[in-house]
Amino acid sequence: MVAHHEIMKYDHEGTKKPARVREPVQVYLDPEDQDRLERLTGQLDSSKSEVLRRGLAALERQLTDPSEHPALRVIGILRGSAEACPTTYDVALEHDRFLAESEEASWASPEDPAD
């Protein structure tokens, strides 16, 4: 059996029609997602279709842009935090030095109050 969308690619003379710019898609949304779509449509003063297209584009950027990757964003947060690693050298390059200095620092005991 031939699918309907295959038949509709040709006109009455059997000539292939030019491809359409957009294809319809049917999506089933639960009430919460329907409310979210309505809310975004109003906030963006846009159509439901446009909100969904923008959402797809944003999701694609998030998944393909390395700077948007959650793990890489955490690295960026730590890189910018001097308090996280107060050293004068690059810990990524000199991790053995950092571990050794951290271990030695843990050996120093607080002064005994009885002294």
N, C-alpha and C. Protein backbone atom coordinates (compact mmCIF):
# COMPACT_ATOMS: atom_id res chain seq x y z
N MET A 1 0.83 -1.17 0.00
CA MET A 1 0.00 0.00 0.00
C MET A 1 0.89 1.25 0.00
N VAL A 2 0.52 2.25 -0.77
CA VAL A 2 1.28 3.49 -0.89
C VAL A 2 0.78 4.47 0.17
N ALA A 3 1.70 5.09 0.86
CA ALA A 3 1.34 6.05 1.90
C ALA A 3 0.79 7.33 1.28
N HIS A 4 -0.12 7.97 1.99
CA HIS A 4 -0.75 9.20 1.52
C HIS A 4 0.27 10.29 1.19
N HIS A 5 1.29 10.45 2.02
CA HIS A 5 2.26 11.52 1.78
C HIS A 5 3.09 11.25 0.53
N GLU A 6 3.22 9.96 0.11
CA GLU A 6 3.91 9.65 -1.13
C GLU A 6 3.07 10.04 -2.34
N ILE A 7 1.79 9.84 -2.27
CA ILE A 7 0.88 10.19 -3.36
C ILE A 7 0.83 11.70 -3.52
N MET A 8 0.79 12.42 -2.43
CA MET A 8 0.64 13.87 -2.46
C MET A 8 1.88 14.59 -2.98
N LYS A 9 2.97 13.88 -3.24
CA LYS A 9 4.18 14.50 -3.78
C LYS A 9 4.04 14.79 -5.28
N TYR A 10 2.99 14.27 -5.90
CA TYR A 10 2.82 14.42 -7.34
C TYR A 10 1.51 15.13 -7.66
N ASP A 11 1.50 15.94 -8.72
CA ASP A 11 0.26 16.60 -9.13
C ASP A 11 -0.56 15.65 -10.00
N HIS A 12 -1.69 16.16 -10.57
CA HIS A 12 -2.61 15.33 -11.34
C HIS A 12 -1.98 14.76 -12.61
N GLU A 13 -0.98 15.41 -13.16
CA GLU A 13 -0.32 14.93 -14.36
C GLU A 13 0.83 13.97 -14.04
N GLY A 14 1.09 13.70 -12.77
CA GLY A 14 2.17 12.81 -12.38
C GLY A 14 3.51 13.50 -12.24
N THR A 15 3.51 14.84 -12.32
CA THR A 15 4.74 15.61 -12.17
C THR A 15 4.99 15.83 -10.68
N LYS A 16 6.22 15.65 -10.30
CA LYS A 16 6.56 15.82 -8.88
C LYS A 16 6.40 17.28 -8.49
N LYS A 17 5.69 17.52 -7.39
CA LYS A 17 5.48 18.87 -6.86
C LYS A 17 6.76 19.34 -6.18
N PRO A 18 6.99 20.65 -6.17
CA PRO A 18 8.14 21.15 -5.41
C PRO A 18 7.92 20.89 -3.91
N ALA A 19 9.00 20.64 -3.23
CA ALA A 19 8.91 20.37 -1.79
C ALA A 19 8.36 21.59 -1.06
N ARG A 20 7.51 21.32 -0.11
CA ARG A 20 6.96 22.41 0.70
C ARG A 20 8.01 22.87 1.71
N VAL A 21 7.90 24.10 2.08
CA VAL A 21 8.85 24.65 3.05
C VAL A 21 8.61 24.04 4.42
N ARG A 22 7.37 23.86 4.79
CA ARG A 22 7.04 23.34 6.12
C ARG A 22 6.14 22.14 6.01
N GLU A 23 6.30 21.23 6.93
CA GLU A 23 5.47 20.03 6.99
C GLU A 23 4.68 20.06 8.29
N PRO A 24 3.42 19.67 8.25
CA PRO A 24 2.63 19.64 9.49
C PRO A 24 3.10 18.50 10.39
N VAL A 25 3.04 18.75 11.69
CA VAL A 25 3.41 17.75 12.69
C VAL A 25 2.32 17.76 13.75
N GLN A 26 1.89 16.58 14.14
CA GLN A 26 0.89 16.48 15.19
C GLN A 26 1.58 16.11 16.49
N VAL A 27 1.32 16.86 17.54
CA VAL A 27 1.95 16.64 18.84
C VAL A 27 0.86 16.54 19.89
N TYR A 28 0.98 15.55 20.76
CA TYR A 28 0.05 15.39 21.86
C TYR A 28 0.70 15.94 23.13
N LEU A 29 0.03 16.88 23.77
CA LEU A 29 0.56 17.49 24.98
C LEU A 29 -0.37 17.22 26.14
N ASP A 30 0.22 16.99 27.31
CA ASP A 30 -0.62 16.86 28.50
C ASP A 30 -1.04 18.27 28.92
N PRO A 31 -2.00 18.39 29.82
CA PRO A 31 -2.50 19.71 30.21
C PRO A 31 -1.42 20.67 30.70
N GLU A 32 -0.44 20.17 31.44
CA GLU A 32 0.64 21.03 31.94
C GLU A 32 1.45 21.62 30.78
N ASP A 33 1.78 20.79 29.79
CA ASP A 33 2.53 21.28 28.63
C ASP A 33 1.68 22.20 27.76
N GLN A 34 0.38 21.93 27.68
CA GLN A 34 -0.51 22.82 26.94
C GLN A 34 -0.54 24.20 27.59
N ASP A 35 -0.62 24.22 28.92
CA ASP A 35 -0.60 25.51 29.64
C ASP A 35 0.73 26.23 29.41
N ARG A 36 1.82 25.47 29.45
CA ARG A 36 3.14 26.07 29.23
C ARG A 36 3.22 26.68 27.82
N LEU A 37 2.72 25.96 26.83
CA LEU A 37 2.74 26.46 25.46
C LEU A 37 1.89 27.72 25.32
N GLU A 38 0.73 27.72 25.95
CA GLU A 38 -0.14 28.92 25.91
C GLU A 38 0.55 30.11 26.58
N ARG A 39 1.16 29.85 27.72
CA ARG A 39 1.85 30.92 28.46
C ARG A 39 3.00 31.51 27.63
N LEU A 40 3.80 30.64 27.02
CA LEU A 40 4.92 31.10 26.20
C LEU A 40 4.44 31.84 24.95
N THR A 41 3.34 31.36 24.39
CA THR A 41 2.76 32.03 23.22
C THR A 41 2.39 33.46 23.56
N GLY A 42 1.80 33.65 24.73
CA GLY A 42 1.42 34.99 25.16
C GLY A 42 2.63 35.85 25.50
N GLN A 43 3.59 35.27 26.22
CA GLN A 43 4.78 36.03 26.61
C GLN A 43 5.60 36.47 25.41
N LEU A 44 5.67 35.63 24.40
CA LEU A 44 6.49 35.92 23.23
C LEU A 44 5.68 36.59 22.12
N ASP A 45 4.37 36.76 22.35
CA ASP A 45 3.49 37.34 21.34
C ASP A 45 3.72 36.66 19.99
N SER A 46 3.60 35.33 20.03
CA SER A 46 3.94 34.52 18.87
C SER A 46 2.94 33.39 18.72
N SER A 47 3.04 32.65 17.63
CA SER A 47 2.16 31.50 17.40
C SER A 47 2.71 30.29 18.14
N LYS A 48 1.86 29.29 18.32
CA LYS A 48 2.31 28.05 18.94
C LYS A 48 3.42 27.41 18.11
N SER A 49 3.24 27.45 16.80
CA SER A 49 4.26 26.87 15.91
C SER A 49 5.60 27.55 16.10
N GLU A 50 5.60 28.87 16.20
CA GLU A 50 6.85 29.60 16.35
C GLU A 50 7.50 29.29 17.70
N VAL A 51 6.70 29.17 18.75
CA VAL A 51 7.25 28.83 20.07
C VAL A 51 7.90 27.45 20.01
N LEU A 52 7.24 26.49 19.37
CA LEU A 52 7.81 25.15 19.26
C LEU A 52 9.08 25.15 18.41
N ARG A 53 9.10 25.92 17.32
CA ARG A 53 10.31 26.00 16.50
C ARG A 53 11.47 26.60 17.30
N ARG A 54 11.18 27.66 18.06
CA ARG A 54 12.23 28.29 18.87
C ARG A 54 12.73 27.33 19.95
N GLY A 55 11.81 26.56 20.52
CA GLY A 55 12.20 25.58 21.53
C GLY A 55 13.10 24.50 20.96
N LEU A 56 12.79 24.04 19.75
CA LEU A 56 13.64 23.05 19.09
C LEU A 56 15.03 23.61 18.81
N ALA A 57 15.07 24.85 18.34
CA ALA A 57 16.36 25.48 18.04
C ALA A 57 17.19 25.64 19.32
N ALA A 58 16.54 26.03 20.42
CA ALA A 58 17.26 26.21 21.69
C ALA A 58 17.78 24.87 22.20
N LEU A 59 16.99 23.83 22.09
CA LEU A 59 17.42 22.51 22.53
C LEU A 59 18.59 22.01 21.69
N GLU A 60 18.52 22.24 20.39
CA GLU A 60 19.62 21.83 19.52
C GLU A 60 20.91 22.57 19.88
N ARG A 61 20.82 23.89 20.13
CA ARG A 61 22.00 24.65 20.53
C ARG A 61 22.58 24.11 21.82
N GLN A 62 21.70 23.82 22.77
CA GLN A 62 22.15 23.31 24.07
C GLN A 62 22.88 21.98 23.92
N LEU A 63 22.41 21.14 23.02
CA LEU A 63 23.01 19.82 22.87
C LEU A 63 24.26 19.82 22.00
N THR A 64 24.40 20.80 21.13
CA THR A 64 25.53 20.79 20.20
C THR A 64 26.60 21.83 20.51
N ASP A 65 26.30 22.84 21.31
CA ASP A 65 27.26 23.88 21.63
C ASP A 65 28.04 23.48 22.87
N PRO A 66 29.35 23.25 22.75
CA PRO A 66 30.13 22.81 23.91
C PRO A 66 30.03 23.75 25.11
N SER A 67 29.88 25.04 24.86
CA SER A 67 29.81 25.98 25.97
C SER A 67 28.50 25.85 26.74
N GLU A 68 27.50 25.18 26.15
CA GLU A 68 26.22 24.99 26.82
C GLU A 68 26.14 23.65 27.55
N HIS A 69 27.15 22.79 27.40
CA HIS A 69 27.13 21.48 28.04
C HIS A 69 27.24 21.66 29.56
N PRO A 70 26.36 21.02 30.33
CA PRO A 70 26.37 21.22 31.79
C PRO A 70 27.72 20.95 32.44
N ALA A 71 28.41 19.89 32.06
CA ALA A 71 29.71 19.59 32.67
C ALA A 71 30.73 20.65 32.35
N LEU A 72 30.72 21.13 31.12
CA LEU A 72 31.68 22.16 30.75
C LEU A 72 31.37 23.48 31.41
N ARG A 73 30.10 23.74 31.69
CA ARG A 73 29.74 24.97 32.40
C ARG A 73 30.25 24.92 33.83
N VAL A 74 30.25 23.74 34.46
CA VAL A 74 30.78 23.59 35.81
C VAL A 74 32.27 23.89 35.81
N ILE A 75 32.98 23.41 34.80
CA ILE A 75 34.41 23.68 34.70
C ILE A 75 34.65 25.18 34.64
N GLY A 76 33.85 25.87 33.85
CA GLY A 76 33.97 27.31 33.74
C GLY A 76 33.72 28.02 35.05
N ILE A 77 32.79 27.52 35.83
CA ILE A 77 32.50 28.12 37.13
C ILE A 77 33.71 27.99 38.04
N LEU A 78 34.31 26.79 38.07
CA LEU A 78 35.45 26.57 38.93
C LEU A 78 36.68 27.35 38.47
N ARG A 79 36.85 27.46 37.16
CA ARG A 79 37.99 28.19 36.64
C ARG A 79 37.96 29.63 37.12
N GLY A 80 36.78 30.20 37.21
CA GLY A 80 36.66 31.60 37.59
C GLY A 80 36.71 31.84 39.08
N SER A 81 36.77 30.81 39.87
CA SER A 81 36.70 30.96 41.31
C SER A 81 38.07 30.81 41.95
N ALA A 82 38.66 31.92 42.38
CA ALA A 82 39.97 31.88 43.03
C ALA A 82 39.87 31.18 44.39
N GLU A 83 38.71 31.30 45.03
CA GLU A 83 38.54 30.68 46.35
C GLU A 83 38.53 29.16 46.25
N ALA A 84 38.11 28.62 45.11
CA ALA A 84 38.04 27.18 44.95
C ALA A 84 39.43 26.55 44.95
N CYS A 85 40.41 27.28 44.49
CA CYS A 85 41.77 26.74 44.41
C CYS A 85 42.76 27.90 44.49
N PRO A 86 43.12 28.32 45.69
CA PRO A 86 43.99 29.48 45.85
C PRO A 86 45.46 29.12 45.61
N THR A 87 45.85 28.89 44.36
CA THR A 87 47.24 28.60 44.02
C THR A 87 47.72 29.60 42.99
N THR A 88 49.05 29.65 42.84
CA THR A 88 49.63 30.55 41.85
C THR A 88 49.98 29.80 40.57
N TYR A 89 49.64 28.51 40.52
CA TYR A 89 49.97 27.70 39.35
C TYR A 89 48.72 26.98 38.85
N ASP A 90 48.81 26.38 37.67
CA ASP A 90 47.69 25.68 37.05
C ASP A 90 47.60 24.28 37.64
N VAL A 91 46.57 24.04 38.43
CA VAL A 91 46.41 22.75 39.11
C VAL A 91 46.18 21.63 38.09
N ALA A 92 45.55 21.93 36.97
CA ALA A 92 45.34 20.89 35.96
C ALA A 92 46.66 20.37 35.43
N LEU A 93 47.63 21.24 35.29
CA LEU A 93 48.95 20.83 34.79
C LEU A 93 49.83 20.27 35.89
N GLU A 94 49.68 20.80 37.10
CA GLU A 94 50.56 20.39 38.20
C GLU A 94 49.75 19.75 39.33
N HIS A 95 48.90 18.78 38.95
CA HIS A 95 48.03 18.16 39.94
C HIS A 95 48.79 17.38 41.01
N ASP A 96 49.92 16.76 40.64
CA ASP A 96 50.71 16.04 41.64
C ASP A 96 51.23 17.00 42.71
N ARG A 97 51.70 18.15 42.28
CA ARG A 97 52.19 19.17 43.21
C ARG A 97 51.06 19.61 44.14
N PHE A 98 49.90 19.85 43.56
CA PHE A 98 48.75 20.30 44.36
C PHE A 98 48.38 19.24 45.40
N LEU A 99 48.33 17.97 44.98
CA LEU A 99 47.97 16.91 45.92
C LEU A 99 49.02 16.77 47.03
N ALA A 100 50.29 16.89 46.67
CA ALA A 100 51.35 16.79 47.67
C ALA A 100 51.26 17.93 48.67
N GLU A 101 51.08 19.15 48.18
CA GLU A 101 50.96 20.30 49.08
C GLU A 101 49.73 20.20 49.96
N SER A 102 48.63 19.69 49.40
CA SER A 102 47.41 19.52 50.20
C SER A 102 47.62 18.50 51.30
N GLU A 103 48.31 17.42 50.96
CA GLU A 103 48.59 16.38 51.96
C GLU A 103 49.49 16.92 53.06
N GLU A 104 50.54 17.62 52.69
CA GLU A 104 51.44 18.19 53.69
C GLU A 104 50.72 19.18 54.58
N ALA A 105 49.84 19.96 54.00
CA ALA A 105 49.09 20.93 54.80
C ALA A 105 48.18 20.24 55.82
N SER A 106 47.71 19.04 55.48
CA SER A 106 46.83 18.31 56.40
C SER A 106 47.60 17.75 57.59
N TRP A 107 48.94 17.64 57.48
CA TRP A 107 49.76 17.12 58.56
C TRP A 107 49.92 18.15 59.69
N ALA A 108 49.85 19.40 59.35
CA ALA A 108 50.03 20.43 60.37
C ALA A 108 48.86 20.38 61.33
N SER A 109 49.17 20.13 62.61
CA SER A 109 48.09 20.06 63.59
C SER A 109 47.94 21.39 64.29
N PRO A 110 46.73 21.72 64.71
CA PRO A 110 46.56 22.97 65.45
C PRO A 110 47.35 22.90 66.77
N GLU A 111 47.76 24.03 67.23
CA GLU A 111 48.55 24.06 68.46
C GLU A 111 47.73 23.48 69.61
N ASP A 112 48.39 22.69 70.42
CA ASP A 112 47.73 22.06 71.55
C ASP A 112 47.50 23.13 72.63
N PRO A 113 46.27 23.31 73.09
CA PRO A 113 45.99 24.33 74.10
C PRO A 113 46.71 24.08 75.41
N ALA A 114 47.15 22.84 75.67
CA ALA A 114 47.84 22.53 76.92
C ALA A 114 49.28 23.04 76.93
N ASP A 115 49.83 23.39 75.75
CA ASP A 115 51.22 23.83 75.69
C ASP A 115 51.41 25.18 76.26
